[in-house]
Amino acid sequence: MSGRTRRRDEQVSATREALLTAAERLFAERGMHAVGNRQISEAAGQGNNAAVSYHFGAKTDLVRAIARRHAEQIEVIRARMTARIAGSTDLRDWVACLVRPFTGHLDALGGPTWYARFTAQVMADPALRAIMVDEALVAAPVLRSFRDGLAGALAGLPPRVRRERVLMARHLVTQMCAERERALAAHAPTFHPTWDATADSLVEVIVALCEAPVR
């Protein structure tokens, strides 16, 4: 590869990263439908307003690229955790596998972060929510192992109730992480001093939610 080609590739990669970061921040702060390509290009320092379309295509492709950027790293953490607790029937172990990959990834990103708020925005949009689900399925073996382990720990619940409570738990993780992220961005008080302490609280609450009586 020539020096010129390498520099061009590095420039393209840097432009893509700048666009992804700008789009993630704007989507998180303003919502998915309040942000256009022009605003993203300007926030990324790109004079060409067609930069987003050139590098990513449609908005759905841009959202997918942002989701993939994070999902792969989150699933690496989850894979490590599920390998350590393989065969466990302790509910707390599997709830931690739901919570800690997300909070741990946000912690590793440093500050400021926007991914929790971005996720909350995407999950509220039926058309875009499918993208997040698809990206999670990239790590299908890890996801299958996690789902099987959690189902085993919740074997005493009727299937319908189990599905409902897992859905509640996922929403709780997303929304509470988004709340913490929003407070950090505004330099406002947070419920917990660290992401690790936030995870501890979420695990306790979700275990209690899953163990609540069925009436």
N, C-alpha and C. Protein backbone atom coordinates (compact mmCIF):
# COMPACT_ATOMS: atom_id res chain seq x y z
N MET A 1 0.85 -1.19 0.00
CA MET A 1 0.00 0.00 0.00
C MET A 1 0.89 1.25 0.00
N SER A 2 0.62 2.17 -0.89
CA SER A 2 1.42 3.38 -0.97
C SER A 2 1.08 4.32 0.18
N GLY A 3 2.03 5.27 0.45
CA GLY A 3 1.79 6.23 1.51
C GLY A 3 0.57 7.07 1.24
N ARG A 4 0.32 7.41 -0.01
CA ARG A 4 -0.84 8.24 -0.37
C ARG A 4 -2.13 7.48 -0.10
N THR A 5 -2.16 6.19 -0.48
CA THR A 5 -3.36 5.37 -0.25
C THR A 5 -3.62 5.21 1.24
N ARG A 6 -2.53 4.99 1.99
CA ARG A 6 -2.70 4.83 3.44
C ARG A 6 -3.24 6.10 4.07
N ARG A 7 -2.73 7.24 3.66
CA ARG A 7 -3.21 8.51 4.22
C ARG A 7 -4.67 8.74 3.86
N ARG A 8 -5.05 8.37 2.61
CA ARG A 8 -6.44 8.53 2.21
C ARG A 8 -7.35 7.64 3.05
N ASP A 9 -6.93 6.39 3.27
CA ASP A 9 -7.72 5.46 4.08
C ASP A 9 -7.86 5.96 5.51
N GLU A 10 -6.77 6.51 6.04
CA GLU A 10 -6.81 7.04 7.41
C GLU A 10 -7.75 8.24 7.50
N GLN A 11 -7.74 9.06 6.46
CA GLN A 11 -8.63 10.23 6.44
C GLN A 11 -10.08 9.81 6.35
N VAL A 12 -10.38 8.80 5.52
CA VAL A 12 -11.75 8.29 5.40
C VAL A 12 -12.21 7.72 6.74
N SER A 13 -11.33 6.95 7.38
CA SER A 13 -11.67 6.35 8.67
C SER A 13 -11.92 7.43 9.72
N ALA A 14 -11.09 8.46 9.73
CA ALA A 14 -11.26 9.55 10.70
C ALA A 14 -12.56 10.30 10.45
N THR A 15 -12.91 10.50 9.18
CA THR A 15 -14.15 11.18 8.84
C THR A 15 -15.36 10.37 9.30
N ARG A 16 -15.32 9.08 9.04
CA ARG A 16 -16.41 8.20 9.46
C ARG A 16 -16.58 8.25 10.98
N GLU A 17 -15.47 8.17 11.73
CA GLU A 17 -15.53 8.20 13.18
C GLU A 17 -16.11 9.53 13.69
N ALA A 18 -15.69 10.62 13.06
CA ALA A 18 -16.21 11.94 13.46
C ALA A 18 -17.70 12.02 13.21
N LEU A 19 -18.15 11.50 12.08
CA LEU A 19 -19.58 11.52 11.76
C LEU A 19 -20.38 10.64 12.73
N LEU A 20 -19.85 9.47 13.05
CA LEU A 20 -20.53 8.57 13.98
C LEU A 20 -20.65 9.22 15.36
N THR A 21 -19.57 9.82 15.82
CA THR A 21 -19.60 10.46 17.14
C THR A 21 -20.58 11.63 17.17
N ALA A 22 -20.55 12.45 16.13
CA ALA A 22 -21.47 13.60 16.07
C ALA A 22 -22.92 13.13 16.01
N ALA A 23 -23.19 12.12 15.18
CA ALA A 23 -24.57 11.63 15.05
C ALA A 23 -25.06 11.02 16.36
N GLU A 24 -24.21 10.24 17.01
CA GLU A 24 -24.61 9.63 18.28
C GLU A 24 -24.95 10.69 19.32
N ARG A 25 -24.13 11.73 19.40
CA ARG A 25 -24.38 12.80 20.37
C ARG A 25 -25.67 13.55 20.04
N LEU A 26 -25.85 13.93 18.79
CA LEU A 26 -27.03 14.70 18.42
C LEU A 26 -28.31 13.89 18.57
N PHE A 27 -28.28 12.62 18.15
CA PHE A 27 -29.45 11.76 18.31
C PHE A 27 -29.79 11.61 19.80
N ALA A 28 -28.76 11.45 20.64
CA ALA A 28 -28.97 11.27 22.08
C ALA A 28 -29.58 12.51 22.70
N GLU A 29 -29.09 13.67 22.30
CA GLU A 29 -29.51 14.91 22.94
C GLU A 29 -30.81 15.48 22.38
N ARG A 30 -31.07 15.25 21.07
CA ARG A 30 -32.22 15.92 20.44
C ARG A 30 -33.30 14.96 19.95
N GLY A 31 -33.01 13.68 19.85
CA GLY A 31 -33.98 12.73 19.33
C GLY A 31 -33.67 12.33 17.90
N MET A 32 -34.22 11.22 17.50
CA MET A 32 -33.88 10.64 16.20
C MET A 32 -34.42 11.44 15.02
N HIS A 33 -35.55 12.10 15.21
CA HIS A 33 -36.19 12.76 14.07
C HIS A 33 -36.00 14.27 14.07
N ALA A 34 -35.23 14.77 15.02
CA ALA A 34 -34.97 16.21 15.08
C ALA A 34 -33.60 16.56 14.50
N VAL A 35 -32.91 15.57 13.98
CA VAL A 35 -31.54 15.77 13.50
C VAL A 35 -31.44 15.36 12.04
N GLY A 36 -30.89 16.24 11.22
CA GLY A 36 -30.69 15.95 9.81
C GLY A 36 -29.22 15.78 9.47
N ASN A 37 -28.96 15.33 8.25
CA ASN A 37 -27.59 15.09 7.81
C ASN A 37 -26.74 16.36 7.85
N ARG A 38 -27.35 17.49 7.52
CA ARG A 38 -26.60 18.75 7.53
C ARG A 38 -26.05 19.05 8.93
N GLN A 39 -26.91 18.87 9.94
CA GLN A 39 -26.48 19.14 11.31
C GLN A 39 -25.36 18.21 11.74
N ILE A 40 -25.48 16.93 11.33
CA ILE A 40 -24.44 15.95 11.69
C ILE A 40 -23.12 16.32 11.03
N SER A 41 -23.16 16.67 9.76
CA SER A 41 -21.94 17.05 9.03
C SER A 41 -21.29 18.26 9.66
N GLU A 42 -22.09 19.26 10.01
CA GLU A 42 -21.55 20.47 10.63
C GLU A 42 -20.92 20.17 11.99
N ALA A 43 -21.60 19.33 12.79
CA ALA A 43 -21.08 18.98 14.11
C ALA A 43 -19.79 18.18 14.02
N ALA A 44 -19.64 17.44 12.91
CA ALA A 44 -18.43 16.63 12.70
C ALA A 44 -17.32 17.43 12.03
N GLY A 45 -17.58 18.71 11.75
CA GLY A 45 -16.57 19.55 11.12
C GLY A 45 -16.39 19.29 9.65
N GLN A 46 -17.43 18.78 9.00
CA GLN A 46 -17.37 18.48 7.57
C GLN A 46 -18.08 19.57 6.77
N GLY A 47 -17.38 20.14 5.83
CA GLY A 47 -17.99 21.18 5.02
C GLY A 47 -18.98 20.64 4.01
N ASN A 48 -18.86 19.36 3.67
CA ASN A 48 -19.74 18.74 2.68
C ASN A 48 -20.99 18.20 3.38
N ASN A 49 -22.13 18.78 3.07
CA ASN A 49 -23.37 18.34 3.71
C ASN A 49 -23.82 16.95 3.27
N ALA A 50 -23.21 16.45 2.20
CA ALA A 50 -23.56 15.11 1.73
C ALA A 50 -22.66 14.04 2.34
N ALA A 51 -21.82 14.42 3.30
CA ALA A 51 -20.85 13.48 3.87
C ALA A 51 -21.53 12.27 4.51
N VAL A 52 -22.63 12.50 5.22
CA VAL A 52 -23.32 11.39 5.90
C VAL A 52 -23.84 10.39 4.87
N SER A 53 -24.51 10.90 3.84
CA SER A 53 -25.05 10.03 2.80
C SER A 53 -23.93 9.28 2.07
N TYR A 54 -22.83 9.97 1.83
CA TYR A 54 -21.71 9.36 1.11
C TYR A 54 -21.12 8.20 1.91
N HIS A 55 -20.92 8.39 3.20
CA HIS A 55 -20.25 7.38 4.01
C HIS A 55 -21.18 6.31 4.56
N PHE A 56 -22.48 6.63 4.75
CA PHE A 56 -23.37 5.68 5.41
C PHE A 56 -24.66 5.38 4.67
N GLY A 57 -25.07 6.22 3.75
CA GLY A 57 -26.34 5.98 3.07
C GLY A 57 -27.50 6.58 3.85
N ALA A 58 -28.53 5.78 4.08
CA ALA A 58 -29.74 6.25 4.77
C ALA A 58 -29.53 6.36 6.27
N LYS A 59 -30.45 7.03 6.94
CA LYS A 59 -30.37 7.18 8.39
C LYS A 59 -30.33 5.83 9.09
N THR A 60 -31.10 4.86 8.58
CA THR A 60 -31.09 3.54 9.20
C THR A 60 -29.70 2.91 9.16
N ASP A 61 -28.96 3.14 8.08
CA ASP A 61 -27.60 2.61 7.98
C ASP A 61 -26.67 3.30 8.97
N LEU A 62 -26.88 4.59 9.18
CA LEU A 62 -26.10 5.33 10.15
C LEU A 62 -26.38 4.82 11.56
N VAL A 63 -27.64 4.62 11.88
CA VAL A 63 -28.01 4.10 13.19
C VAL A 63 -27.40 2.71 13.40
N ARG A 64 -27.44 1.88 12.36
CA ARG A 64 -26.85 0.54 12.45
C ARG A 64 -25.35 0.62 12.74
N ALA A 65 -24.67 1.55 12.07
CA ALA A 65 -23.22 1.69 12.26
C ALA A 65 -22.90 2.11 13.70
N ILE A 66 -23.70 3.02 14.25
CA ILE A 66 -23.49 3.44 15.64
C ILE A 66 -23.74 2.26 16.59
N ALA A 67 -24.82 1.55 16.37
CA ALA A 67 -25.15 0.40 17.23
C ALA A 67 -24.05 -0.65 17.16
N ARG A 68 -23.56 -0.94 15.98
CA ARG A 68 -22.53 -1.97 15.81
C ARG A 68 -21.23 -1.55 16.49
N ARG A 69 -20.95 -0.27 16.43
CA ARG A 69 -19.74 0.28 17.05
C ARG A 69 -19.66 -0.08 18.53
N HIS A 70 -20.82 -0.14 19.19
CA HIS A 70 -20.85 -0.44 20.63
C HIS A 70 -21.20 -1.89 20.93
N ALA A 71 -22.11 -2.48 20.14
CA ALA A 71 -22.62 -3.81 20.45
C ALA A 71 -21.51 -4.85 20.51
N GLU A 72 -20.56 -4.75 19.60
CA GLU A 72 -19.47 -5.73 19.57
C GLU A 72 -18.67 -5.70 20.87
N GLN A 73 -18.41 -4.51 21.38
CA GLN A 73 -17.63 -4.38 22.62
C GLN A 73 -18.44 -4.86 23.83
N ILE A 74 -19.73 -4.56 23.83
CA ILE A 74 -20.58 -5.00 24.93
C ILE A 74 -20.65 -6.52 24.98
N GLU A 75 -20.77 -7.14 23.82
CA GLU A 75 -20.89 -8.60 23.79
C GLU A 75 -19.59 -9.30 24.15
N VAL A 76 -18.45 -8.65 23.95
CA VAL A 76 -17.18 -9.22 24.42
C VAL A 76 -17.20 -9.35 25.94
N ILE A 77 -17.71 -8.31 26.61
CA ILE A 77 -17.82 -8.35 28.07
C ILE A 77 -18.80 -9.44 28.49
N ARG A 78 -19.95 -9.51 27.79
CA ARG A 78 -20.97 -10.51 28.15
C ARG A 78 -20.45 -11.93 27.94
N ALA A 79 -19.69 -12.13 26.87
CA ALA A 79 -19.13 -13.46 26.60
C ALA A 79 -18.20 -13.90 27.72
N ARG A 80 -17.38 -12.97 28.20
CA ARG A 80 -16.46 -13.26 29.29
C ARG A 80 -17.23 -13.62 30.55
N MET A 81 -18.30 -12.89 30.83
CA MET A 81 -19.09 -13.13 32.03
C MET A 81 -19.84 -14.46 31.96
N THR A 82 -20.47 -14.74 30.82
CA THR A 82 -21.24 -15.98 30.71
C THR A 82 -20.33 -17.20 30.78
N ALA A 83 -19.10 -17.07 30.27
CA ALA A 83 -18.15 -18.19 30.35
C ALA A 83 -17.80 -18.49 31.81
N ARG A 84 -17.69 -17.45 32.61
CA ARG A 84 -17.32 -17.63 34.02
C ARG A 84 -18.43 -18.28 34.83
N ILE A 85 -19.69 -18.04 34.47
CA ILE A 85 -20.80 -18.55 35.30
C ILE A 85 -21.56 -19.68 34.61
N ALA A 86 -20.99 -20.27 33.59
CA ALA A 86 -21.66 -21.36 32.85
C ALA A 86 -22.13 -22.43 33.83
N GLY A 87 -23.40 -22.82 33.70
CA GLY A 87 -23.97 -23.84 34.56
C GLY A 87 -24.61 -23.31 35.83
N SER A 88 -24.43 -22.02 36.13
CA SER A 88 -25.01 -21.45 37.35
C SER A 88 -26.53 -21.35 37.22
N THR A 89 -27.20 -21.56 38.34
CA THR A 89 -28.66 -21.34 38.39
C THR A 89 -28.99 -20.17 39.32
N ASP A 90 -27.98 -19.42 39.69
CA ASP A 90 -28.16 -18.27 40.58
C ASP A 90 -28.68 -17.09 39.76
N LEU A 91 -29.88 -16.64 40.06
CA LEU A 91 -30.49 -15.55 39.32
C LEU A 91 -29.60 -14.31 39.29
N ARG A 92 -28.96 -14.00 40.42
CA ARG A 92 -28.12 -12.81 40.51
C ARG A 92 -26.98 -12.85 39.48
N ASP A 93 -26.42 -14.03 39.25
CA ASP A 93 -25.35 -14.16 38.26
C ASP A 93 -25.83 -13.73 36.88
N TRP A 94 -27.02 -14.19 36.50
CA TRP A 94 -27.50 -13.93 35.14
C TRP A 94 -28.05 -12.52 34.98
N VAL A 95 -28.59 -11.97 36.05
CA VAL A 95 -29.00 -10.56 36.00
C VAL A 95 -27.77 -9.67 35.84
N ALA A 96 -26.70 -10.01 36.52
CA ALA A 96 -25.45 -9.26 36.36
C ALA A 96 -24.97 -9.29 34.92
N CYS A 97 -25.19 -10.42 34.23
CA CYS A 97 -24.82 -10.54 32.81
C CYS A 97 -25.69 -9.67 31.92
N LEU A 98 -26.87 -9.32 32.38
CA LEU A 98 -27.73 -8.39 31.65
C LEU A 98 -27.27 -6.95 31.87
N VAL A 99 -26.90 -6.62 33.10
CA VAL A 99 -26.62 -5.24 33.49
C VAL A 99 -25.18 -4.82 33.22
N ARG A 100 -24.22 -5.59 33.70
CA ARG A 100 -22.84 -5.13 33.78
C ARG A 100 -22.13 -4.96 32.43
N PRO A 101 -22.44 -5.73 31.40
CA PRO A 101 -21.80 -5.43 30.12
C PRO A 101 -22.12 -4.03 29.62
N PHE A 102 -23.35 -3.58 29.84
CA PHE A 102 -23.77 -2.25 29.39
C PHE A 102 -23.11 -1.16 30.25
N THR A 103 -23.23 -1.28 31.58
CA THR A 103 -22.64 -0.27 32.46
C THR A 103 -21.12 -0.29 32.37
N GLY A 104 -20.54 -1.47 32.24
CA GLY A 104 -19.09 -1.57 32.13
C GLY A 104 -18.57 -0.92 30.87
N HIS A 105 -19.30 -1.08 29.77
CA HIS A 105 -18.91 -0.44 28.51
C HIS A 105 -19.00 1.07 28.62
N LEU A 106 -20.07 1.58 29.22
CA LEU A 106 -20.21 3.03 29.39
C LEU A 106 -19.09 3.58 30.27
N ASP A 107 -18.73 2.84 31.30
CA ASP A 107 -17.64 3.25 32.18
C ASP A 107 -16.32 3.30 31.41
N ALA A 108 -16.07 2.29 30.59
CA ALA A 108 -14.82 2.21 29.83
C ALA A 108 -14.70 3.32 28.80
N LEU A 109 -15.83 3.82 28.32
CA LEU A 109 -15.79 4.90 27.32
C LEU A 109 -15.26 6.20 27.91
N GLY A 110 -15.33 6.34 29.23
CA GLY A 110 -14.96 7.62 29.83
C GLY A 110 -16.07 8.63 29.63
N GLY A 111 -15.76 9.89 29.88
CA GLY A 111 -16.83 10.89 29.72
C GLY A 111 -16.45 11.94 28.72
N PRO A 112 -17.43 12.59 28.14
CA PRO A 112 -18.86 12.28 28.27
C PRO A 112 -19.26 11.12 27.36
N THR A 113 -20.37 10.48 27.70
CA THR A 113 -20.91 9.43 26.84
C THR A 113 -22.33 9.81 26.42
N TRP A 114 -22.76 9.20 25.32
CA TRP A 114 -24.11 9.46 24.79
C TRP A 114 -24.83 8.16 24.45
N TYR A 115 -24.16 7.02 24.57
CA TYR A 115 -24.73 5.79 24.03
C TYR A 115 -25.98 5.33 24.76
N ALA A 116 -26.06 5.52 26.07
CA ALA A 116 -27.27 5.11 26.79
C ALA A 116 -28.48 5.91 26.32
N ARG A 117 -28.28 7.24 26.16
CA ARG A 117 -29.38 8.08 25.68
C ARG A 117 -29.72 7.77 24.22
N PHE A 118 -28.70 7.49 23.43
CA PHE A 118 -28.94 7.08 22.04
C PHE A 118 -29.77 5.80 22.01
N THR A 119 -29.40 4.83 22.84
CA THR A 119 -30.15 3.56 22.89
C THR A 119 -31.59 3.79 23.30
N ALA A 120 -31.81 4.66 24.30
CA ALA A 120 -33.17 4.95 24.75
C ALA A 120 -33.99 5.56 23.62
N GLN A 121 -33.38 6.46 22.84
CA GLN A 121 -34.08 7.09 21.71
C GLN A 121 -34.43 6.05 20.64
N VAL A 122 -33.48 5.20 20.32
CA VAL A 122 -33.71 4.20 19.27
C VAL A 122 -34.78 3.19 19.70
N MET A 123 -34.71 2.74 20.95
CA MET A 123 -35.65 1.72 21.41
C MET A 123 -37.07 2.26 21.50
N ALA A 124 -37.23 3.58 21.51
CA ALA A 124 -38.58 4.17 21.53
C ALA A 124 -39.17 4.29 20.14
N ASP A 125 -38.38 3.99 19.11
CA ASP A 125 -38.84 4.08 17.72
C ASP A 125 -39.01 2.67 17.16
N PRO A 126 -40.24 2.25 16.88
CA PRO A 126 -40.47 0.86 16.42
C PRO A 126 -39.65 0.48 15.19
N ALA A 127 -39.48 1.41 14.26
CA ALA A 127 -38.76 1.08 13.04
C ALA A 127 -37.27 0.90 13.30
N LEU A 128 -36.72 1.71 14.18
CA LEU A 128 -35.29 1.65 14.45
C LEU A 128 -34.94 0.60 15.51
N ARG A 129 -35.89 0.27 16.36
CA ARG A 129 -35.64 -0.72 17.42
C ARG A 129 -35.15 -2.04 16.84
N ALA A 130 -35.68 -2.42 15.68
CA ALA A 130 -35.28 -3.68 15.05
C ALA A 130 -33.80 -3.71 14.73
N ILE A 131 -33.22 -2.54 14.46
CA ILE A 131 -31.79 -2.47 14.17
C ILE A 131 -30.97 -2.88 15.39
N MET A 132 -31.35 -2.39 16.55
CA MET A 132 -30.64 -2.74 17.78
C MET A 132 -30.75 -4.24 18.05
N VAL A 133 -31.91 -4.79 17.80
CA VAL A 133 -32.11 -6.23 17.99
C VAL A 133 -31.23 -7.01 17.02
N ASP A 134 -31.19 -6.59 15.76
CA ASP A 134 -30.36 -7.26 14.76
C ASP A 134 -28.90 -7.23 15.15
N GLU A 135 -28.43 -6.09 15.63
CA GLU A 135 -27.01 -5.97 15.99
C GLU A 135 -26.68 -6.85 17.18
N ALA A 136 -27.61 -7.02 18.11
CA ALA A 136 -27.38 -7.92 19.24
C ALA A 136 -27.24 -9.36 18.75
N LEU A 137 -27.96 -9.70 17.70
CA LEU A 137 -27.93 -11.08 17.18
C LEU A 137 -26.63 -11.42 16.48
N VAL A 138 -25.79 -10.40 16.23
CA VAL A 138 -24.47 -10.68 15.64
C VAL A 138 -23.69 -11.61 16.57
N ALA A 139 -23.90 -11.44 17.86
CA ALA A 139 -23.24 -12.30 18.84
C ALA A 139 -24.21 -13.39 19.29
N ALA A 140 -24.86 -14.06 18.35
CA ALA A 140 -25.92 -15.03 18.65
C ALA A 140 -25.52 -16.12 19.64
N PRO A 141 -24.34 -16.75 19.51
CA PRO A 141 -23.99 -17.80 20.48
C PRO A 141 -23.93 -17.27 21.92
N VAL A 142 -23.36 -16.09 22.10
CA VAL A 142 -23.30 -15.49 23.43
C VAL A 142 -24.70 -15.17 23.92
N LEU A 143 -25.52 -14.59 23.05
CA LEU A 143 -26.88 -14.24 23.42
C LEU A 143 -27.69 -15.48 23.78
N ARG A 144 -27.51 -16.55 23.02
CA ARG A 144 -28.24 -17.79 23.30
C ARG A 144 -27.84 -18.35 24.67
N SER A 145 -26.55 -18.32 24.95
CA SER A 145 -26.07 -18.81 26.24
C SER A 145 -26.64 -17.99 27.38
N PHE A 146 -26.66 -16.67 27.19
CA PHE A 146 -27.21 -15.78 28.22
C PHE A 146 -28.70 -16.03 28.41
N ARG A 147 -29.44 -16.11 27.31
CA ARG A 147 -30.89 -16.33 27.41
C ARG A 147 -31.21 -17.65 28.09
N ASP A 148 -30.46 -18.70 27.73
CA ASP A 148 -30.70 -20.02 28.33
C ASP A 148 -30.40 -19.98 29.83
N GLY A 149 -29.31 -19.31 30.19
CA GLY A 149 -28.95 -19.23 31.60
C GLY A 149 -29.98 -18.46 32.40
N LEU A 150 -30.45 -17.34 31.86
CA LEU A 150 -31.45 -16.53 32.56
C LEU A 150 -32.77 -17.29 32.65
N ALA A 151 -33.14 -17.98 31.57
CA ALA A 151 -34.38 -18.76 31.59
C ALA A 151 -34.31 -19.87 32.64
N GLY A 152 -33.15 -20.48 32.77
CA GLY A 152 -32.98 -21.52 33.78
C GLY A 152 -33.11 -20.97 35.19
N ALA A 153 -32.58 -19.78 35.41
CA ALA A 153 -32.66 -19.15 36.73
C ALA A 153 -34.08 -18.69 37.05
N LEU A 154 -34.89 -18.49 36.00
CA LEU A 154 -36.28 -18.05 36.17
C LEU A 154 -37.26 -19.17 35.85
N ALA A 155 -36.80 -20.39 35.95
CA ALA A 155 -37.63 -21.54 35.54
C ALA A 155 -38.93 -21.64 36.32
N GLY A 156 -38.98 -21.05 37.51
CA GLY A 156 -40.20 -21.12 38.32
C GLY A 156 -41.30 -20.19 37.86
N LEU A 157 -41.00 -19.31 36.90
CA LEU A 157 -42.01 -18.38 36.41
C LEU A 157 -42.69 -18.93 35.15
N PRO A 158 -43.99 -18.68 34.99
CA PRO A 158 -44.64 -19.03 33.72
C PRO A 158 -43.94 -18.30 32.56
N PRO A 159 -43.84 -18.92 31.39
CA PRO A 159 -43.11 -18.31 30.26
C PRO A 159 -43.55 -16.87 29.95
N ARG A 160 -44.86 -16.61 29.97
CA ARG A 160 -45.34 -15.26 29.65
C ARG A 160 -44.84 -14.25 30.66
N VAL A 161 -44.90 -14.62 31.93
CA VAL A 161 -44.44 -13.73 33.00
C VAL A 161 -42.93 -13.52 32.90
N ARG A 162 -42.22 -14.59 32.59
CA ARG A 162 -40.76 -14.48 32.45
C ARG A 162 -40.39 -13.51 31.34
N ARG A 163 -41.06 -13.63 30.19
CA ARG A 163 -40.77 -12.72 29.07
C ARG A 163 -41.06 -11.28 29.45
N GLU A 164 -42.19 -11.07 30.15
CA GLU A 164 -42.57 -9.71 30.53
C GLU A 164 -41.53 -9.10 31.49
N ARG A 165 -41.08 -9.88 32.44
CA ARG A 165 -40.15 -9.34 33.43
C ARG A 165 -38.76 -9.09 32.85
N VAL A 166 -38.35 -9.92 31.92
CA VAL A 166 -37.07 -9.67 31.25
C VAL A 166 -37.17 -8.39 30.42
N LEU A 167 -38.31 -8.17 29.77
CA LEU A 167 -38.51 -6.94 29.02
C LEU A 167 -38.49 -5.72 29.95
N MET A 168 -39.17 -5.83 31.10
CA MET A 168 -39.13 -4.76 32.09
C MET A 168 -37.69 -4.47 32.50
N ALA A 169 -36.94 -5.54 32.74
CA ALA A 169 -35.56 -5.38 33.19
C ALA A 169 -34.72 -4.66 32.15
N ARG A 170 -34.89 -5.02 30.88
CA ARG A 170 -34.12 -4.37 29.82
C ARG A 170 -34.45 -2.88 29.75
N HIS A 171 -35.72 -2.55 29.84
CA HIS A 171 -36.11 -1.14 29.81
C HIS A 171 -35.53 -0.40 31.02
N LEU A 172 -35.53 -1.04 32.16
CA LEU A 172 -35.01 -0.42 33.37
C LEU A 172 -33.52 -0.11 33.21
N VAL A 173 -32.77 -1.06 32.68
CA VAL A 173 -31.33 -0.84 32.48
C VAL A 173 -31.10 0.33 31.53
N THR A 174 -31.80 0.31 30.39
CA THR A 174 -31.61 1.37 29.40
C THR A 174 -31.97 2.73 29.96
N GLN A 175 -33.13 2.84 30.59
CA GLN A 175 -33.61 4.14 31.03
C GLN A 175 -32.81 4.68 32.22
N MET A 176 -32.43 3.84 33.15
CA MET A 176 -31.67 4.32 34.30
C MET A 176 -30.24 4.70 33.91
N CYS A 177 -29.68 3.98 32.96
CA CYS A 177 -28.36 4.36 32.46
C CYS A 177 -28.44 5.68 31.69
N ALA A 178 -29.52 5.85 30.93
CA ALA A 178 -29.72 7.12 30.22
C ALA A 178 -29.89 8.27 31.21
N GLU A 179 -30.60 8.03 32.31
CA GLU A 179 -30.78 9.07 33.33
C GLU A 179 -29.45 9.46 33.95
N ARG A 180 -28.63 8.46 34.26
CA ARG A 180 -27.31 8.76 34.85
C ARG A 180 -26.44 9.52 33.85
N GLU A 181 -26.46 9.08 32.62
CA GLU A 181 -25.67 9.73 31.58
C GLU A 181 -26.10 11.19 31.40
N ARG A 182 -27.40 11.42 31.43
CA ARG A 182 -27.94 12.77 31.28
C ARG A 182 -27.52 13.65 32.45
N ALA A 183 -27.55 13.10 33.65
CA ALA A 183 -27.14 13.86 34.83
C ALA A 183 -25.66 14.19 34.78
N LEU A 184 -24.85 13.23 34.35
CA LEU A 184 -23.40 13.47 34.25
C LEU A 184 -23.11 14.58 33.23
N ALA A 185 -23.84 14.55 32.12
CA ALA A 185 -23.63 15.56 31.07
C ALA A 185 -23.99 16.95 31.57
N ALA A 186 -24.98 17.02 32.46
CA ALA A 186 -25.44 18.30 32.98
C ALA A 186 -24.72 18.70 34.28
N HIS A 187 -23.76 17.85 34.71
CA HIS A 187 -23.05 18.07 35.97
C HIS A 187 -24.03 18.18 37.14
N ALA A 188 -25.08 17.36 37.05
CA ALA A 188 -26.11 17.32 38.09
C ALA A 188 -25.84 16.14 39.03
N PRO A 189 -26.47 16.14 40.22
CA PRO A 189 -26.27 15.02 41.15
C PRO A 189 -26.76 13.70 40.53
N THR A 190 -26.08 12.61 40.86
CA THR A 190 -26.48 11.28 40.41
C THR A 190 -26.83 10.43 41.63
N PHE A 191 -27.57 9.38 41.40
CA PHE A 191 -27.97 8.51 42.51
C PHE A 191 -26.77 7.76 43.08
N HIS A 192 -25.79 7.46 42.24
CA HIS A 192 -24.63 6.67 42.66
C HIS A 192 -23.34 7.31 42.15
N PRO A 193 -22.24 7.13 42.85
CA PRO A 193 -21.00 7.81 42.46
C PRO A 193 -20.31 7.22 41.24
N THR A 194 -20.57 5.96 40.94
CA THR A 194 -19.85 5.30 39.84
C THR A 194 -20.83 4.44 39.02
N TRP A 195 -20.37 4.04 37.83
CA TRP A 195 -21.15 3.11 37.02
C TRP A 195 -21.23 1.74 37.71
N ASP A 196 -20.19 1.36 38.41
CA ASP A 196 -20.21 0.07 39.10
C ASP A 196 -21.27 0.06 40.19
N ALA A 197 -21.37 1.16 40.93
CA ALA A 197 -22.40 1.25 41.98
C ALA A 197 -23.79 1.30 41.36
N THR A 198 -23.90 1.93 40.19
CA THR A 198 -25.18 1.94 39.46
C THR A 198 -25.58 0.53 39.08
N ALA A 199 -24.60 -0.24 38.62
CA ALA A 199 -24.86 -1.64 38.26
C ALA A 199 -25.31 -2.44 39.48
N ASP A 200 -24.65 -2.23 40.62
CA ASP A 200 -25.04 -2.94 41.84
C ASP A 200 -26.52 -2.68 42.16
N SER A 201 -26.93 -1.42 42.07
CA SER A 201 -28.31 -1.06 42.36
C SER A 201 -29.28 -1.70 41.38
N LEU A 202 -28.93 -1.64 40.10
CA LEU A 202 -29.80 -2.24 39.08
C LEU A 202 -29.94 -3.75 39.28
N VAL A 203 -28.86 -4.42 39.60
CA VAL A 203 -28.92 -5.87 39.82
C VAL A 203 -29.87 -6.18 40.98
N GLU A 204 -29.75 -5.44 42.09
CA GLU A 204 -30.61 -5.68 43.25
C GLU A 204 -32.08 -5.48 42.89
N VAL A 205 -32.38 -4.40 42.19
CA VAL A 205 -33.76 -4.09 41.84
C VAL A 205 -34.32 -5.12 40.87
N ILE A 206 -33.54 -5.52 39.88
CA ILE A 206 -34.04 -6.47 38.88
C ILE A 206 -34.22 -7.86 39.47
N VAL A 207 -33.34 -8.26 40.38
CA VAL A 207 -33.54 -9.54 41.07
C VAL A 207 -34.86 -9.50 41.84
N ALA A 208 -35.11 -8.41 42.54
CA ALA A 208 -36.37 -8.28 43.29
C ALA A 208 -37.57 -8.28 42.35
N LEU A 209 -37.44 -7.61 41.21
CA LEU A 209 -38.52 -7.58 40.22
C LEU A 209 -38.82 -9.00 39.72
N CYS A 210 -37.77 -9.74 39.41
CA CYS A 210 -37.97 -11.10 38.88
C CYS A 210 -38.54 -12.05 39.91
N GLU A 211 -38.24 -11.79 41.19
CA GLU A 211 -38.70 -12.69 42.25
C GLU A 211 -40.03 -12.26 42.85
N ALA A 212 -40.61 -11.17 42.31
CA ALA A 212 -41.90 -10.71 42.84
C ALA A 212 -42.98 -11.79 42.66
N PRO A 213 -43.93 -11.87 43.59
CA PRO A 213 -44.99 -12.90 43.48
C PRO A 213 -45.79 -12.74 42.20
N VAL A 214 -46.26 -13.86 41.70
CA VAL A 214 -47.14 -13.86 40.51
C VAL A 214 -48.55 -14.04 41.00
N ARG A 215 -49.43 -13.10 40.63
CA ARG A 215 -50.82 -13.17 41.09
C ARG A 215 -51.75 -13.28 39.90
